Amino acid sequence: MPAAYLVVESQITDAEAFKAYMAAAPAVAKAFGGEYLVRGGRMAVLEGNWQPPRLTVLRYPSFDQAKAMYDSPDYVKARSFRKGATACFNMVLVEGIEAPV
């Protein structure tokens, strides 16, 4: 079963309010097998004109586990903490490819 990747573009406008989301979300992600690969950090646009203010990437063991995390009561609660703290928060879930053995 291929891994799945959750990719988030965000623009934090209220860092203090966003701290509650950042404190709650990692534990929920971990409970569903999620692992942070990128959480902010240095970035360079190499092609195109997409200028995301901030990117976060998480890897999950499967698409279904990532979707279950997103729909879980604990993550619904975590999402409520970021209301009003971001100018944008775009999230996509994409299934990876089967890696050769």
PDB file of N, CA and C in Angstrom:
ATOM      1  N   MET A   1       0.854  -1.183   0.000  1.00  0.00           N
ATOM      2  CA  MET A   1       0.000   0.000   0.000  1.00  0.00           C
ATOM      3  C   MET A   1       0.896   1.241   0.000  1.00  0.00           C
ATOM      4  N   PRO A   2       0.673   2.162  -0.905  1.00  0.00           N
ATOM      5  CA  PRO A   2       1.519   3.358  -0.956  1.00  0.00           C
ATOM      6  C   PRO A   2       1.230   4.324   0.190  1.00  0.00           C
ATOM      7  N   ALA A   3       2.252   5.067   0.557  1.00  0.00           N
ATOM      8  CA  ALA A   3       2.088   6.128   1.549  1.00  0.00           C
ATOM      9  C   ALA A   3       1.244   7.239   0.943  1.00  0.00           C
ATOM     10  N   ALA A   4       0.776   8.129   1.792  1.00  0.00           N
ATOM     11  CA  ALA A   4       0.011   9.292   1.348  1.00  0.00           C
ATOM     12  C   ALA A   4       0.656  10.527   1.958  1.00  0.00           C
ATOM     13  N   TYR A   5       0.475  11.641   1.262  1.00  0.00           N
ATOM     14  CA  TYR A   5       1.105  12.889   1.678  1.00  0.00           C
ATOM     15  C   TYR A   5       0.070  13.986   1.815  1.00  0.00           C
ATOM     16  N   LEU A   6       0.103  14.651   2.946  1.00  0.00           N
ATOM     17  CA  LEU A   6      -0.769  15.786   3.211  1.00  0.00           C
ATOM     18  C   LEU A   6       0.083  17.039   3.004  1.00  0.00           C
ATOM     19  N   VAL A   7      -0.323  17.886   2.076  1.00  0.00           N
ATOM     20  CA  VAL A   7       0.434  19.092   1.741  1.00  0.00           C
ATOM     21  C   VAL A   7      -0.424  20.295   2.119  1.00  0.00           C
ATOM     22  N   VAL A   8       0.151  21.185   2.904  1.00  0.00           N
ATOM     23  CA  VAL A   8      -0.585  22.343   3.413  1.00  0.00           C
ATOM     24  C   VAL A   8       0.150  23.620   3.044  1.00  0.00           C
ATOM     25  N   GLU A   9      -0.590  24.550   2.452  1.00  0.00           N
ATOM     26  CA  GLU A   9      -0.101  25.899   2.217  1.00  0.00           C
ATOM     27  C   GLU A   9      -0.831  26.788   3.213  1.00  0.00           C
ATOM     28  N   SER A  10      -0.089  27.570   3.964  1.00  0.00           N
ATOM     29  CA  SER A  10      -0.750  28.433   4.941  1.00  0.00           C
ATOM     30  C   SER A  10      -0.056  29.791   5.015  1.00  0.00           C
ATOM     31  N   GLN A  11      -0.831  30.749   5.458  1.00  0.00           N
ATOM     32  CA  GLN A  11      -0.287  32.077   5.755  1.00  0.00           C
ATOM     33  C   GLN A  11      -0.798  32.455   7.135  1.00  0.00           C
ATOM     34  N   ILE A  12       0.079  32.389   8.093  1.00  0.00           N
ATOM     35  CA  ILE A  12      -0.284  32.667   9.484  1.00  0.00           C
ATOM     36  C   ILE A  12      -0.324  34.179   9.688  1.00  0.00           C
ATOM     37  N   THR A  13      -1.455  34.658  10.173  1.00  0.00           N
ATOM     38  CA  THR A  13      -1.603  36.090  10.428  1.00  0.00           C
ATOM     39  C   THR A  13      -1.637  36.418  11.917  1.00  0.00           C
ATOM     40  N   ASP A  14      -1.899  35.413  12.741  1.00  0.00           N
ATOM     41  CA  ASP A  14      -1.921  35.598  14.189  1.00  0.00           C
ATOM     42  C   ASP A  14      -1.147  34.438  14.815  1.00  0.00           C
ATOM     43  N   ALA A  15       0.163  34.638  14.945  1.00  0.00           N
ATOM     44  CA  ALA A  15       1.039  33.572  15.429  1.00  0.00           C
ATOM     45  C   ALA A  15       0.652  33.088  16.825  1.00  0.00           C
ATOM     46  N   GLU A  16       0.223  34.002  17.661  1.00  0.00           N
ATOM     47  CA  GLU A  16      -0.157  33.621  19.029  1.00  0.00           C
ATOM     48  C   GLU A  16      -1.365  32.691  19.012  1.00  0.00           C
ATOM     49  N   ALA A  17      -2.387  33.015  18.235  1.00  0.00           N
ATOM     50  CA  ALA A  17      -3.571  32.165  18.142  1.00  0.00           C
ATOM     51  C   ALA A  17      -3.246  30.838  17.465  1.00  0.00           C
ATOM     52  N   PHE A  18      -2.326  30.841  16.500  1.00  0.00           N
ATOM     53  CA  PHE A  18      -1.977  29.624  15.764  1.00  0.00           C
ATOM     54  C   PHE A  18      -1.218  28.626  16.637  1.00  0.00           C
ATOM     55  N   LYS A  19      -0.609  29.111  17.715  1.00  0.00           N
ATOM     56  CA  LYS A  19       0.137  28.222  18.617  1.00  0.00           C
ATOM     57  C   LYS A  19      -0.737  27.101  19.177  1.00  0.00           C
ATOM     58  N   ALA A  20      -2.007  27.373  19.426  1.00  0.00           N
ATOM     59  CA  ALA A  20      -2.898  26.339  19.968  1.00  0.00           C
ATOM     60  C   ALA A  20      -3.089  25.219  18.951  1.00  0.00           C
ATOM     61  N   TYR A  21      -3.222  25.577  17.678  1.00  0.00           N
ATOM     62  CA  TYR A  21      -3.338  24.562  16.625  1.00  0.00           C
ATOM     63  C   TYR A  21      -2.037  23.769  16.519  1.00  0.00           C
ATOM     64  N   MET A  22      -0.901  24.472  16.537  1.00  0.00           N
ATOM     65  CA  MET A  22       0.389  23.800  16.418  1.00  0.00           C
ATOM     66  C   MET A  22       0.682  22.899  17.617  1.00  0.00           C
ATOM     67  N   ALA A  23       0.087  23.187  18.746  1.00  0.00           N
ATOM     68  CA  ALA A  23       0.264  22.336  19.920  1.00  0.00           C
ATOM     69  C   ALA A  23      -0.616  21.093  19.848  1.00  0.00           C
ATOM     70  N   ALA A  24      -1.780  21.209  19.221  1.00  0.00           N
ATOM     71  CA  ALA A  24      -2.734  20.094  19.191  1.00  0.00           C
ATOM     72  C   ALA A  24      -2.558  19.159  17.996  1.00  0.00           C
ATOM     73  N   ALA A  25      -2.257  19.696  16.835  1.00  0.00           N
ATOM     74  CA  ALA A  25      -2.252  18.905  15.598  1.00  0.00           C
ATOM     75  C   ALA A  25      -1.208  17.780  15.562  1.00  0.00           C
ATOM     76  N   PRO A  26       0.033  17.969  16.009  1.00  0.00           N
ATOM     77  CA  PRO A  26       1.017  16.892  15.897  1.00  0.00           C
ATOM     78  C   PRO A  26       0.632  15.593  16.607  1.00  0.00           C
ATOM     79  N   ALA A  27       0.029  15.686  17.774  1.00  0.00           N
ATOM     80  CA  ALA A  27      -0.365  14.473  18.497  1.00  0.00           C
ATOM     81  C   ALA A  27      -1.447  13.706  17.735  1.00  0.00           C
ATOM     82  N   VAL A  28      -2.361  14.428  17.116  1.00  0.00           N
ATOM     83  CA  VAL A  28      -3.415  13.778  16.325  1.00  0.00           C
ATOM     84  C   VAL A  28      -2.795  13.120  15.099  1.00  0.00           C
ATOM     85  N   ALA A  29      -1.913  13.836  14.418  1.00  0.00           N
ATOM     86  CA  ALA A  29      -1.241  13.273  13.245  1.00  0.00           C
ATOM     87  C   ALA A  29      -0.498  11.992  13.624  1.00  0.00           C
ATOM     88  N   LYS A  30       0.253  12.035  14.708  1.00  0.00           N
ATOM     89  CA  LYS A  30       1.033  10.876  15.150  1.00  0.00           C
ATOM     90  C   LYS A  30       0.133   9.684  15.484  1.00  0.00           C
ATOM     91  N   ALA A  31      -1.011   9.944  16.085  1.00  0.00           N
ATOM     92  CA  ALA A  31      -1.937   8.859  16.457  1.00  0.00           C
ATOM     93  C   ALA A  31      -2.431   8.086  15.231  1.00  0.00           C
ATOM     94  N   PHE A  32      -2.394   8.713  14.068  1.00  0.00           N
ATOM     95  CA  PHE A  32      -2.830   8.069  12.827  1.00  0.00           C
ATOM     96  C   PHE A  32      -1.641   7.690  11.939  1.00  0.00           C
ATOM     97  N   GLY A  33      -0.454   7.691  12.509  1.00  0.00           N
ATOM     98  CA  GLY A  33       0.738   7.296  11.771  1.00  0.00           C
ATOM     99  C   GLY A  33       1.380   8.410  10.979  1.00  0.00           C
ATOM    100  N   GLY A  34       0.960   9.648  11.206  1.00  0.00           N
ATOM    101  CA  GLY A  34       1.505  10.786  10.463  1.00  0.00           C
ATOM    102  C   GLY A  34       2.881  11.192  10.953  1.00  0.00           C
ATOM    103  N   GLU A  35       3.705  11.623  10.011  1.00  0.00           N
ATOM    104  CA  GLU A  35       5.051  12.074  10.323  1.00  0.00           C
ATOM    105  C   GLU A  35       5.313  13.374   9.563  1.00  0.00           C
ATOM    106  N   TYR A  36       5.722  14.408  10.284  1.00  0.00           N
ATOM    107  CA  TYR A  36       6.036  15.679   9.650  1.00  0.00           C
ATOM    108  C   TYR A  36       7.345  15.544   8.880  1.00  0.00           C
ATOM    109  N   LEU A  37       7.316  15.911   7.600  1.00  0.00           N
ATOM    110  CA  LEU A  37       8.512  15.936   6.776  1.00  0.00           C
ATOM    111  C   LEU A  37       8.989  17.371   6.564  1.00  0.00           C
ATOM    112  N   VAL A  38       8.042  18.299   6.479  1.00  0.00           N
ATOM    113  CA  VAL A  38       8.325  19.726   6.286  1.00  0.00           C
ATOM    114  C   VAL A  38       7.365  20.494   7.185  1.00  0.00           C
ATOM    115  N   ARG A  39       7.889  21.478   7.877  1.00  0.00           N
ATOM    116  CA  ARG A  39       7.038  22.335   8.712  1.00  0.00           C
ATOM    117  C   ARG A  39       7.611  23.738   8.686  1.00  0.00           C
ATOM    118  N   GLY A  40       7.272  24.456   7.604  1.00  0.00           N
ATOM    119  CA  GLY A  40       7.868  25.772   7.410  1.00  0.00           C
ATOM    120  C   GLY A  40       9.268  25.590   6.843  1.00  0.00           C
ATOM    121  N   GLY A  41      10.144  26.485   7.130  1.00  0.00           N
ATOM    122  CA  GLY A  41      11.523  26.346   6.688  1.00  0.00           C
ATOM    123  C   GLY A  41      11.809  27.076   5.384  1.00  0.00           C
ATOM    124  N   ARG A  42      13.057  27.035   5.014  1.00  0.00           N
ATOM    125  CA  ARG A  42      13.541  27.728   3.817  1.00  0.00           C
ATOM    126  C   ARG A  42      12.921  27.128   2.563  1.00  0.00           C
ATOM    127  N   MET A  43      12.606  27.990   1.604  1.00  0.00           N
ATOM    128  CA  MET A  43      11.929  27.563   0.390  1.00  0.00           C
ATOM    129  C   MET A  43      12.420  28.424  -0.765  1.00  0.00           C
ATOM    130  N   ALA A  44      12.442  27.831  -1.967  1.00  0.00           N
ATOM    131  CA  ALA A  44      12.810  28.570  -3.173  1.00  0.00           C
ATOM    132  C   ALA A  44      11.882  28.132  -4.300  1.00  0.00           C
ATOM    133  N   VAL A  45      11.285  29.071  -4.997  1.00  0.00           N
ATOM    134  CA  VAL A  45      10.458  28.771  -6.163  1.00  0.00           C
ATOM    135  C   VAL A  45      11.412  28.556  -7.329  1.00  0.00           C
ATOM    136  N   LEU A  46      11.389  27.364  -7.908  1.00  0.00           N
ATOM    137  CA  LEU A  46      12.305  27.032  -8.988  1.00  0.00           C
ATOM    138  C   LEU A  46      11.670  27.178 -10.362  1.00  0.00           C
ATOM    139  N   GLU A  47      10.358  27.008 -10.437  1.00  0.00           N
ATOM    140  CA  GLU A  47       9.624  27.199 -11.691  1.00  0.00           C
ATOM    141  C   GLU A  47       8.218  27.663 -11.359  1.00  0.00           C
ATOM    142  N   GLY A  48       7.630  28.394 -12.282  1.00  0.00           N
ATOM    143  CA  GLY A  48       6.259  28.849 -12.093  1.00  0.00           C
ATOM    144  C   GLY A  48       6.178  30.066 -11.200  1.00  0.00           C
ATOM    145  N   ASN A  49       4.943  30.417 -10.845  1.00  0.00           N
ATOM    146  CA  ASN A  49       4.749  31.627 -10.037  1.00  0.00           C
ATOM    147  C   ASN A  49       4.025  31.356  -8.725  1.00  0.00           C
ATOM    148  N   TRP A  50       3.966  30.095  -8.306  1.00  0.00           N
ATOM    149  CA  TRP A  50       3.369  29.768  -7.015  1.00  0.00           C
ATOM    150  C   TRP A  50       4.308  30.268  -5.919  1.00  0.00           C
ATOM    151  N   GLN A  51       3.802  31.103  -5.034  1.00  0.00           N
ATOM    152  CA  GLN A  51       4.589  31.698  -3.960  1.00  0.00           C
ATOM    153  C   GLN A  51       3.946  31.376  -2.608  1.00  0.00           C
ATOM    154  N   PRO A  52       3.946  30.121  -2.199  1.00  0.00           N
ATOM    155  CA  PRO A  52       3.297  29.800  -0.924  1.00  0.00           C
ATOM    156  C   PRO A  52       4.024  30.463   0.245  1.00  0.00           C
ATOM    157  N   PRO A  53       3.285  31.098   1.125  1.00  0.00           N
ATOM    158  CA  PRO A  53       3.922  31.746   2.280  1.00  0.00           C
ATOM    159  C   PRO A  53       4.600  30.735   3.215  1.00  0.00           C
ATOM    160  N   ARG A  54       3.985  29.551   3.346  1.00  0.00           N
ATOM    161  CA  ARG A  54       4.497  28.519   4.259  1.00  0.00           C
ATOM    162  C   ARG A  54       3.978  27.173   3.775  1.00  0.00           C
ATOM    163  N   LEU A  55       4.833  26.155   3.810  1.00  0.00           N
ATOM    164  CA  LEU A  55       4.408  24.811   3.431  1.00  0.00           C
ATOM    165  C   LEU A  55       4.663  23.836   4.570  1.00  0.00           C
ATOM    166  N   THR A  56       3.747  22.896   4.696  1.00  0.00           N
ATOM    167  CA  THR A  56       3.880  21.792   5.635  1.00  0.00           C
ATOM    168  C   THR A  56       3.568  20.527   4.854  1.00  0.00           C
ATOM    169  N   VAL A  57       4.372  19.478   5.060  1.00  0.00           N
ATOM    170  CA  VAL A  57       4.143  18.203   4.390  1.00  0.00           C
ATOM    171  C   VAL A  57       4.228  17.108   5.440  1.00  0.00           C
ATOM    172  N   LEU A  58       3.216  16.249   5.451  1.00  0.00           N
ATOM    173  CA  LEU A  58       3.205  15.095   6.340  1.00  0.00           C
ATOM    174  C   LEU A  58       3.066  13.831   5.508  1.00  0.00           C
ATOM    175  N   ARG A  59       3.694  12.751   5.983  1.00  0.00           N
ATOM    176  CA  ARG A  59       3.554  11.438   5.336  1.00  0.00           C
ATOM    177  C   ARG A  59       2.738  10.533   6.263  1.00  0.00           C
ATOM    178  N   TYR A  60       1.791   9.820   5.663  1.00  0.00           N
ATOM    179  CA  TYR A  60       0.962   8.843   6.379  1.00  0.00           C
ATOM    180  C   TYR A  60       1.162   7.475   5.751  1.00  0.00           C
ATOM    181  N   PRO A  61       0.956   6.417   6.507  1.00  0.00           N
ATOM    182  CA  PRO A  61       1.104   5.070   5.950  1.00  0.00           C
ATOM    183  C   PRO A  61       0.153   4.780   4.778  1.00  0.00           C
ATOM    184  N   SER A  62      -0.995   5.440   4.772  1.00  0.00           N
ATOM    185  CA  SER A  62      -1.956   5.214   3.684  1.00  0.00           C
ATOM    186  C   SER A  62      -2.873   6.426   3.536  1.00  0.00           C
ATOM    187  N   PHE A  63      -3.495   6.508   2.376  1.00  0.00           N
ATOM    188  CA  PHE A  63      -4.469   7.556   2.096  1.00  0.00           C
ATOM    189  C   PHE A  63      -5.607   7.487   3.118  1.00  0.00           C
ATOM    190  N   ASP A  64      -6.093   6.258   3.380  1.00  0.00           N
ATOM    191  CA  ASP A  64      -7.224   6.085   4.300  1.00  0.00           C
ATOM    192  C   ASP A  64      -6.888   6.524   5.717  1.00  0.00           C
ATOM    193  N   GLN A  65      -5.655   6.276   6.169  1.00  0.00           N
ATOM    194  CA  GLN A  65      -5.276   6.714   7.518  1.00  0.00           C
ATOM    195  C   GLN A  65      -5.216   8.236   7.600  1.00  0.00           C
ATOM    196  N   ALA A  66      -4.715   8.866   6.563  1.00  0.00           N
ATOM    197  CA  ALA A  66      -4.654  10.333   6.560  1.00  0.00           C
ATOM    198  C   ALA A  66      -6.056  10.920   6.553  1.00  0.00           C
ATOM    199  N   LYS A  67      -6.940  10.335   5.761  1.00  0.00           N
ATOM    200  CA  LYS A  67      -8.323  10.823   5.684  1.00  0.00           C
ATOM    201  C   LYS A  67      -9.028  10.605   7.025  1.00  0.00           C
ATOM    202  N   ALA A  68      -8.765   9.467   7.663  1.00  0.00           N
ATOM    203  CA  ALA A  68      -9.359   9.194   8.981  1.00  0.00           C
ATOM    204  C   ALA A  68      -8.880  10.204  10.014  1.00  0.00           C
ATOM    205  N   MET A  69      -7.599  10.594   9.949  1.00  0.00           N
ATOM    206  CA  MET A  69      -7.085  11.610  10.855  1.00  0.00           C
ATOM    207  C   MET A  69      -7.829  12.925  10.638  1.00  0.00           C
ATOM    208  N   TYR A  70      -7.978  13.335   9.375  1.00  0.00           N
ATOM    209  CA  TYR A  70      -8.636  14.602   9.070  1.00  0.00           C
ATOM    210  C   TYR A  70     -10.072  14.630   9.591  1.00  0.00           C
ATOM    211  N   ASP A  71     -10.768  13.506   9.486  1.00  0.00           N
ATOM    212  CA  ASP A  71     -12.168  13.423   9.908  1.00  0.00           C
ATOM    213  C   ASP A  71     -12.350  13.119  11.389  1.00  0.00           C
ATOM    214  N   SER A  72     -11.263  12.844  12.100  1.00  0.00           N
ATOM    215  CA  SER A  72     -11.366  12.442  13.509  1.00  0.00           C
ATOM    216  C   SER A  72     -11.843  13.597  14.396  1.00  0.00           C
ATOM    217  N   PRO A  73     -12.556  13.275  15.472  1.00  0.00           N
ATOM    218  CA  PRO A  73     -13.007  14.318  16.400  1.00  0.00           C
ATOM    219  C   PRO A  73     -11.854  15.160  16.958  1.00  0.00           C
ATOM    220  N   ASP A  74     -10.707  14.531  17.229  1.00  0.00           N
ATOM    221  CA  ASP A  74      -9.580  15.288  17.774  1.00  0.00           C
ATOM    222  C   ASP A  74      -9.036  16.299  16.767  1.00  0.00           C
ATOM    223  N   TYR A  75      -9.015  15.945  15.479  1.00  0.00           N
ATOM    224  CA  TYR A  75      -8.519  16.902  14.497  1.00  0.00           C
ATOM    225  C   TYR A  75      -9.562  17.979  14.188  1.00  0.00           C
ATOM    226  N   VAL A  76     -10.821  17.618  14.236  1.00  0.00           N
ATOM    227  CA  VAL A  76     -11.873  18.632  14.077  1.00  0.00           C
ATOM    228  C   VAL A  76     -11.692  19.693  15.165  1.00  0.00           C
ATOM    229  N   LYS A  77     -11.397  19.238  16.377  1.00  0.00           N
ATOM    230  CA  LYS A  77     -11.168  20.179  17.482  1.00  0.00           C
ATOM    231  C   LYS A  77      -9.907  21.007  17.234  1.00  0.00           C
ATOM    232  N   ALA A  78      -8.832  20.358  16.784  1.00  0.00           N
ATOM    233  CA  ALA A  78      -7.582  21.078  16.506  1.00  0.00           C
ATOM    234  C   ALA A  78      -7.797  22.139  15.431  1.00  0.00           C
ATOM    235  N   ARG A  79      -8.566  21.799  14.388  1.00  0.00           N
ATOM    236  CA  ARG A  79      -8.832  22.757  13.315  1.00  0.00           C
ATOM    237  C   ARG A  79      -9.530  24.002  13.840  1.00  0.00           C
ATOM    238  N   SER A  80     -10.369  23.832  14.836  1.00  0.00           N
ATOM    239  CA  SER A  80     -11.103  24.985  15.376  1.00  0.00           C
ATOM    240  C   SER A  80     -10.151  26.002  16.007  1.00  0.00           C
ATOM    241  N   PHE A  81      -8.987  25.551  16.464  1.00  0.00           N
ATOM    242  CA  PHE A  81      -8.019  26.452  17.101  1.00  0.00           C
ATOM    243  C   PHE A  81      -7.387  27.428  16.116  1.00  0.00           C
ATOM    244  N   ARG A  82      -7.390  27.100  14.833  1.00  0.00           N
ATOM    245  CA  ARG A  82      -6.729  27.994  13.870  1.00  0.00           C
ATOM    246  C   ARG A  82      -7.677  29.009  13.237  1.00  0.00           C
ATOM    247  N   LYS A  83      -8.968  28.964  13.594  1.00  0.00           N
ATOM    248  CA  LYS A  83      -9.917  29.936  13.040  1.00  0.00           C
ATOM    249  C   LYS A  83      -9.474  31.351  13.360  1.00  0.00           C
ATOM    250  N   GLY A  84      -9.410  32.166  12.320  1.00  0.00           N
ATOM    251  CA  GLY A  84      -9.008  33.552  12.487  1.00  0.00           C
ATOM    252  C   GLY A  84      -7.514  33.762  12.605  1.00  0.00           C
ATOM    253  N   ALA A  85      -6.719  32.686  12.568  1.00  0.00           N
ATOM    254  CA  ALA A  85      -5.273  32.803  12.741  1.00  0.00           C
ATOM    255  C   ALA A  85      -4.512  32.759  11.418  1.00  0.00           C
ATOM    256  N   THR A  86      -5.236  32.482  10.315  1.00  0.00           N
ATOM    257  CA  THR A  86      -4.567  32.387   9.014  1.00  0.00           C
ATOM    258  C   THR A  86      -5.337  33.162   7.950  1.00  0.00           C
ATOM    259  N   ALA A  87      -4.583  33.715   6.994  1.00  0.00           N
ATOM    260  CA  ALA A  87      -5.206  34.368   5.838  1.00  0.00           C
ATOM    261  C   ALA A  87      -5.562  33.318   4.797  1.00  0.00           C
ATOM    262  N   CYS A  88      -4.793  32.221   4.761  1.00  0.00           N
ATOM    263  CA  CYS A  88      -5.129  31.091   3.887  1.00  0.00           C
ATOM    264  C   CYS A  88      -4.672  29.813   4.555  1.00  0.00           C
ATOM    265  N   PHE A  89      -5.373  28.741   4.269  1.00  0.00           N
ATOM    266  CA  PHE A  89      -5.005  27.416   4.763  1.00  0.00           C
ATOM    267  C   PHE A  89      -5.552  26.426   3.756  1.00  0.00           C
ATOM    268  N   ASN A  90      -4.717  26.044   2.807  1.00  0.00           N
ATOM    269  CA  ASN A  90      -5.102  25.099   1.761  1.00  0.00           C
ATOM    270  C   ASN A  90      -4.433  23.770   2.030  1.00  0.00           C
ATOM    271  N   MET A  91      -5.215  22.693   1.935  1.00  0.00           N
ATOM    272  CA  MET A  91      -4.699  21.369   2.252  1.00  0.00           C
ATOM    273  C   MET A  91      -5.123  20.391   1.177  1.00  0.00           C
ATOM    274  N   VAL A  92      -4.168  19.591   0.693  1.00  0.00           N
ATOM    275  CA  VAL A  92      -4.487  18.525  -0.252  1.00  0.00           C
ATOM    276  C   VAL A  92      -3.882  17.233   0.264  1.00  0.00           C
ATOM    277  N   LEU A  93      -4.550  16.138  -0.048  1.00  0.00           N
ATOM    278  CA  LEU A  93      -4.074  14.803   0.294  1.00  0.00           C
ATOM    279  C   LEU A  93      -3.816  14.081  -1.006  1.00  0.00           C
ATOM    280  N   VAL A  94      -2.623  13.523  -1.163  1.00  0.00           N
ATOM    281  CA  VAL A  94      -2.270  12.842  -2.402  1.00  0.00           C
ATOM    282  C   VAL A  94      -1.622  11.493  -2.062  1.00  0.00           C
ATOM    283  N   GLU A  95      -2.024  10.489  -2.811  1.00  0.00           N
ATOM    284  CA  GLU A  95      -1.456   9.157  -2.613  1.00  0.00           C
ATOM    285  C   GLU A  95      -0.136   9.064  -3.358  1.00  0.00           C
ATOM    286  N   GLY A  96       0.867   8.477  -2.706  1.00  0.00           N
ATOM    287  CA  GLY A  96       2.166   8.297  -3.324  1.00  0.00           C
ATOM    288  C   GLY A  96       2.164   7.092  -4.262  1.00  0.00           C
ATOM    289  N   ILE A  97       3.345   6.719  -4.691  1.00  0.00           N
ATOM    290  CA  ILE A  97       3.483   5.574  -5.581  1.00  0.00           C
ATOM    291  C   ILE A  97       4.042   4.390  -4.789  1.00  0.00           C
ATOM    292  N   GLU A  98       3.816   3.199  -5.297  1.00  0.00           N
ATOM    293  CA  GLU A  98       4.392   2.001  -4.689  1.00  0.00           C
ATOM    294  C   GLU A  98       5.890   2.033  -4.944  1.00  0.00           C
ATOM    295  N   ALA A  99       6.661   1.975  -3.876  1.00  0.00           N
ATOM    296  CA  ALA A  99       8.108   1.967  -4.032  1.00  0.00           C
ATOM    297  C   ALA A  99       8.566   0.565  -4.413  1.00  0.00           C
ATOM    298  N   PRO A 100       9.531   0.455  -5.322  1.00  0.00           N
ATOM    299  CA  PRO A 100      10.039  -0.870  -5.671  1.00  0.00           C
ATOM    300  C   PRO A 100      10.716  -1.528  -4.472  1.00  0.00           C
ATOM    301  N   VAL A 101      10.603  -2.824  -4.397  1.00  0.00           N
ATOM    302  CA  VAL A 101      11.191  -3.564  -3.269  1.00  0.00           C
ATOM    303  C   VAL A 101      12.663  -3.755  -3.476  1.00  0.00           C
TER     304      VAL A 101
END
